[in-house]
Amino acid sequence: MKSREKEFLDLIETHKGIIHKISKMYMDAEDDQQDLTQEIIYQLWKSFDSFQQQSRFSTWMYRVALNTALVFFKKEKRKLAVTDMMPEHIATEDNVAAAKELQLAHFYKAVQKLERIEKALVFLHLENYSHKEIGENLGISEGNARTKLSRAKDKLKELIKQQGYEF
């Protein structure tokens, strides 16, 4: 295997969480998530030679992945299939994993209802970017990033409550 290919595969493996999170944020169905994941990796490989290491690889990867997700979403003109029915059972202490899974399901369903910029803000926040870094990534000021993120969090909480999930 060529060293450039190995370098690419190693970087993808190290930062694969970014790809999976974006795929889950933009696509509801598992098949669609897998298609988007493949498309993101393909676009990353196509543009890998243009990565000039002026920023962290993860930052560059995020930008390519987000742009790919937006184009993929538009191109396919997919509509999110969100059901209003949620499981009625409540996880017991013996079933902590199921409770975590339910929390994640509510979270991702709510995130899918956010506007594109709000999804990007939430994603960067979850990746522990500072307000300054979020602003730089999205081309907005640090203060604007802070305000928009706060509003996105409030909206996310409201969407989760509307799904019937109690904090």
Protein backbone atom coordinates (compact mmCIF):
# COMPACT_ATOMS: atom_id res chain seq x y z
CA MET A 1 0.00 0.00 0.00
CA LYS A 2 1.30 3.44 -0.87
CA SER A 3 2.29 5.64 2.04
CA ARG A 4 -0.22 8.36 1.06
CA GLU A 5 -3.07 5.83 1.08
CA LYS A 6 -1.94 4.47 4.43
CA GLU A 7 -1.72 7.98 5.86
CA PHE A 8 -5.27 8.68 4.64
CA LEU A 9 -6.67 5.43 6.05
CA ASP A 10 -4.97 6.01 9.39
CA LEU A 11 -6.41 9.53 9.63
CA ILE A 12 -9.88 8.29 8.68
CA GLU A 13 -9.68 5.57 11.33
CA THR A 14 -8.54 8.07 13.97
CA HIS A 15 -11.32 10.55 13.18
CA LYS A 16 -14.13 8.23 12.02
CA GLY A 17 -16.39 9.49 14.80
CA ILE A 18 -16.78 12.79 12.95
CA ILE A 19 -18.13 11.01 9.89
CA HIS A 20 -20.53 8.84 11.89
CA LYS A 21 -21.89 11.78 13.88
CA ILE A 22 -22.53 13.87 10.79
CA SER A 23 -24.19 10.93 9.04
CA LYS A 24 -26.51 10.39 12.02
CA MET A 25 -27.30 14.09 12.25
CA TYR A 26 -28.32 14.41 8.61
CA MET A 27 -29.88 11.04 7.79
CA ASP A 28 -32.53 9.13 9.69
CA ALA A 29 -32.45 5.70 8.05
CA GLU A 30 -29.43 3.48 8.64
CA ASP A 31 -29.04 2.76 4.89
CA ASP A 32 -28.98 6.50 4.18
CA GLN A 33 -26.41 7.00 6.93
CA GLN A 34 -24.19 4.33 5.37
CA ASP A 35 -24.57 5.90 1.91
CA LEU A 36 -23.64 9.31 3.30
CA THR A 37 -20.67 7.84 5.18
CA GLN A 38 -19.36 6.30 1.95
CA GLU A 39 -19.89 9.55 0.07
CA ILE A 40 -18.03 11.53 2.74
CA ILE A 41 -15.06 9.13 2.66
CA TYR A 42 -15.04 9.28 -1.14
CA GLN A 43 -15.04 13.10 -1.11
CA LEU A 44 -12.32 13.15 1.54
CA TRP A 45 -10.14 10.89 -0.60
CA LYS A 46 -10.81 12.96 -3.74
CA SER A 47 -9.75 16.14 -1.97
CA PHE A 48 -7.02 14.67 0.25
CA ASP A 49 -4.25 16.06 -1.96
CA SER A 50 -5.66 19.55 -1.42
CA PHE A 51 -5.27 19.25 2.37
CA GLN A 52 -2.40 21.61 3.05
CA GLN A 53 -2.11 21.06 6.80
CA GLN A 54 -2.82 24.72 7.58
CA SER A 55 -5.39 23.48 10.09
CA ARG A 56 -5.87 20.26 12.01
CA PHE A 57 -6.92 17.30 9.89
CA SER A 58 -10.08 16.93 11.97
CA THR A 59 -11.06 20.54 11.20
CA TRP A 60 -10.53 20.05 7.47
CA MET A 61 -12.31 16.69 7.62
CA TYR A 62 -15.28 18.26 9.38
CA ARG A 63 -15.61 20.93 6.67
CA VAL A 64 -15.47 18.41 3.84
CA ALA A 65 -17.88 16.06 5.65
CA LEU A 66 -20.38 18.81 6.42
CA ASN A 67 -20.30 20.18 2.87
CA THR A 68 -20.74 16.66 1.50
CA ALA A 69 -23.68 16.04 3.82
CA LEU A 70 -25.36 19.26 2.73
CA VAL A 71 -24.88 18.50 -0.97
CA PHE A 72 -25.94 14.87 -0.49
CA PHE A 73 -29.04 15.92 1.41
CA LYS A 74 -29.99 18.49 -1.25
CA LYS A 75 -29.17 16.27 -4.20
CA GLU A 76 -31.23 13.37 -2.96
CA LYS A 77 -34.02 15.68 -1.76
CA ARG A 78 -34.60 13.29 1.07
CA LYS A 79 -37.29 13.92 3.61
CA LEU A 80 -36.68 12.80 7.12
CA ALA A 81 -39.04 10.05 8.14
CA VAL A 82 -39.65 10.83 11.77
CA THR A 83 -42.32 8.98 13.65
CA ASP A 84 -44.18 10.54 16.49
CA MET A 85 -44.55 7.23 18.24
CA MET A 86 -41.83 6.48 20.75
CA PRO A 87 -41.40 3.34 22.85
CA GLU A 88 -43.54 3.55 25.95
CA HIS A 89 -41.35 1.44 28.18
CA ILE A 90 -39.01 3.13 30.58
CA ALA A 91 -35.60 1.62 31.17
CA THR A 92 -34.90 0.32 34.65
CA GLU A 93 -31.61 0.54 36.48
CA ASP A 94 -30.82 -2.94 35.18
CA ASN A 95 -31.07 -1.69 31.62
CA VAL A 96 -28.82 1.38 31.57
CA ALA A 97 -27.64 0.66 28.04
CA ALA A 98 -31.21 0.74 26.72
CA ALA A 99 -31.80 4.04 28.50
CA LYS A 100 -28.68 5.54 26.89
CA GLU A 101 -29.82 4.26 23.50
CA LEU A 102 -33.24 5.84 24.01
CA GLN A 103 -31.60 9.14 24.96
CA LEU A 104 -29.48 9.05 21.82
CA ALA A 105 -32.49 8.22 19.66
CA HIS A 106 -34.37 11.24 21.03
CA PHE A 107 -31.30 13.42 20.63
CA TYR A 108 -30.65 12.46 16.99
CA LYS A 109 -34.33 12.78 16.04
CA ALA A 110 -34.35 16.26 17.54
CA VAL A 111 -31.05 17.21 15.86
CA GLN A 112 -32.45 16.19 12.48
CA LYS A 113 -35.16 18.83 12.90
CA LEU A 114 -32.63 21.63 13.42
CA GLU A 115 -31.59 24.03 10.67
CA ARG A 116 -28.29 23.27 8.92
CA ILE A 117 -26.30 25.92 10.78
CA GLU A 118 -27.76 24.73 14.08
CA LYS A 119 -26.68 21.15 13.31
CA ALA A 120 -23.18 22.39 12.57
CA LEU A 121 -23.08 24.40 15.80
CA VAL A 122 -24.23 21.42 17.87
CA PHE A 123 -21.76 19.10 16.18
CA LEU A 124 -18.80 21.42 16.78
CA HIS A 125 -19.90 21.93 20.38
CA LEU A 126 -20.05 18.15 20.89
CA GLU A 127 -16.54 17.94 19.47
CA ASN A 128 -15.42 20.35 22.25
CA TYR A 129 -14.60 23.26 19.96
CA SER A 130 -14.43 26.63 21.67
CA HIS A 131 -16.82 29.41 20.67
CA LYS A 132 -13.92 31.07 18.87
CA GLU A 133 -13.12 27.87 16.91
CA ILE A 134 -16.80 27.35 16.09
CA GLY A 135 -16.99 30.89 14.76
CA GLU A 136 -13.86 30.40 12.66
CA ASN A 137 -15.17 27.14 11.21
CA LEU A 138 -18.53 28.64 10.30
CA GLY A 139 -17.29 32.09 9.26
CA ILE A 140 -19.10 33.97 12.04
CA SER A 141 -17.89 35.95 15.04
CA GLU A 142 -17.19 34.32 18.39
CA GLY A 143 -20.09 36.21 19.98
CA ASN A 144 -22.44 35.20 17.19
CA ALA A 145 -21.34 31.58 17.59
CA ARG A 146 -22.04 31.75 21.32
CA THR A 147 -25.51 33.25 20.79
CA LYS A 148 -26.50 30.89 17.98
CA LEU A 149 -25.26 27.87 19.95
CA SER A 150 -27.25 28.89 23.01
CA ARG A 151 -30.39 29.26 20.89
CA ALA A 152 -29.73 25.93 19.16
CA LYS A 153 -29.39 24.20 22.56
CA ASP A 154 -32.67 25.72 23.74
CA LYS A 155 -34.40 24.64 20.53
CA LEU A 156 -32.94 21.15 20.87
CA LYS A 157 -34.24 20.84 24.44
CA GLU A 158 -37.70 21.93 23.30
CA LEU A 159 -37.71 19.46 20.40
CA ILE A 160 -36.70 16.64 22.72
CA LYS A 161 -39.48 17.57 25.16
CA GLN A 162 -41.99 17.61 22.29
CA GLN A 163 -41.02 14.01 21.57
CA GLY A 164 -42.17 13.14 25.07
CA TYR A 165 -38.75 12.63 26.60
CA GLU A 166 -38.34 14.05 30.09
CA PHE A 167 -34.95 15.21 31.31
